[in-house]
Amino acid sequence: MEFNSIIKERRKILGISQQDLADYSDVSVRLIKSIETNKANPTVKTLSKICDVLGLELIMKIKEIN
């Protein structure tokens, strides 16, 4: 499952609107909408803020390039 789907699903489970998520995470509602529709690539900082509000843990995988 892609992170955008996880964010949208978790937000709906918690019963909060996109506007609420934007307000609580201190990002724009436009960005929340773009993330949920997979039209934006948010920064790690932004994802971290959103995950904090949604009670999700942000785990990053880093590929080694040889």
Protein backbone atom coordinates (compact mmCIF):
# COMPACT_ATOMS: atom_id res chain seq x y z
CA MET A 1 0.00 0.00 0.00
CA GLU A 2 1.31 3.44 -0.92
CA PHE A 3 1.76 6.11 1.74
CA ASN A 4 -0.94 8.30 0.17
CA SER A 5 -3.51 5.53 0.59
CA ILE A 6 -2.40 4.86 4.15
CA ILE A 7 -2.79 8.54 5.06
CA LYS A 8 -6.25 8.78 3.51
CA GLU A 9 -7.45 5.52 5.08
CA ARG A 10 -6.14 6.42 8.55
CA ARG A 11 -7.66 9.90 8.36
CA LYS A 12 -11.05 8.40 7.52
CA ILE A 13 -10.76 5.80 10.31
CA LEU A 14 -10.12 8.64 12.76
CA GLY A 15 -13.07 10.57 11.35
CA ILE A 16 -11.17 13.77 10.61
CA SER A 17 -11.50 15.90 7.50
CA GLN A 18 -8.70 16.93 5.20
CA GLN A 19 -9.04 20.44 6.63
CA ASP A 20 -8.67 19.12 10.18
CA LEU A 21 -5.58 17.13 9.22
CA ALA A 22 -4.12 20.20 7.55
CA ASP A 23 -4.82 22.36 10.60
CA TYR A 24 -3.47 19.83 13.11
CA SER A 25 -0.31 19.10 11.08
CA ASP A 26 0.31 22.74 10.10
CA VAL A 27 0.32 22.11 6.35
CA SER A 28 -2.07 23.38 3.69
CA VAL A 29 -5.28 21.54 2.87
CA ARG A 30 -4.23 21.77 -0.77
CA LEU A 31 -1.11 19.75 0.05
CA ILE A 32 -3.13 17.16 2.00
CA LYS A 33 -5.42 16.73 -1.01
CA SER A 34 -2.45 16.45 -3.37
CA ILE A 35 -0.77 13.86 -1.16
CA GLU A 36 -3.91 11.76 -0.87
CA THR A 37 -4.36 11.77 -4.66
CA ASN A 38 -0.68 10.96 -5.21
CA LYS A 39 -0.04 14.28 -6.99
CA ALA A 40 2.54 15.55 -4.50
CA ASN A 41 5.79 14.22 -3.12
CA PRO A 42 5.92 15.61 0.41
CA THR A 43 9.14 16.13 2.30
CA VAL A 44 10.08 13.85 5.17
CA LYS A 45 9.35 16.74 7.55
CA THR A 46 5.83 17.13 6.17
CA LEU A 47 5.17 13.39 6.26
CA SER A 48 6.43 13.29 9.83
CA LYS A 49 3.98 16.03 10.87
CA ILE A 50 1.09 14.20 9.22
CA CYS A 51 2.07 10.85 10.73
CA ASP A 52 2.27 12.42 14.19
CA VAL A 53 -1.31 13.66 13.89
CA LEU A 54 -2.55 10.32 12.56
CA GLY A 55 -0.69 8.26 15.14
CA LEU A 56 1.44 6.55 12.50
CA GLU A 57 5.13 5.74 12.65
CA LEU A 58 7.27 6.97 9.78
CA ILE A 59 9.85 4.39 8.80
CA MET A 60 12.20 5.14 5.95
CA LYS A 61 14.04 2.60 3.87
CA ILE A 62 17.22 3.76 2.25
CA LYS A 63 18.59 1.90 -0.73
CA GLU A 64 22.30 1.42 -0.94
CA ILE A 65 23.73 2.36 -4.28
CA ASN A 66 26.85 0.40 -5.17
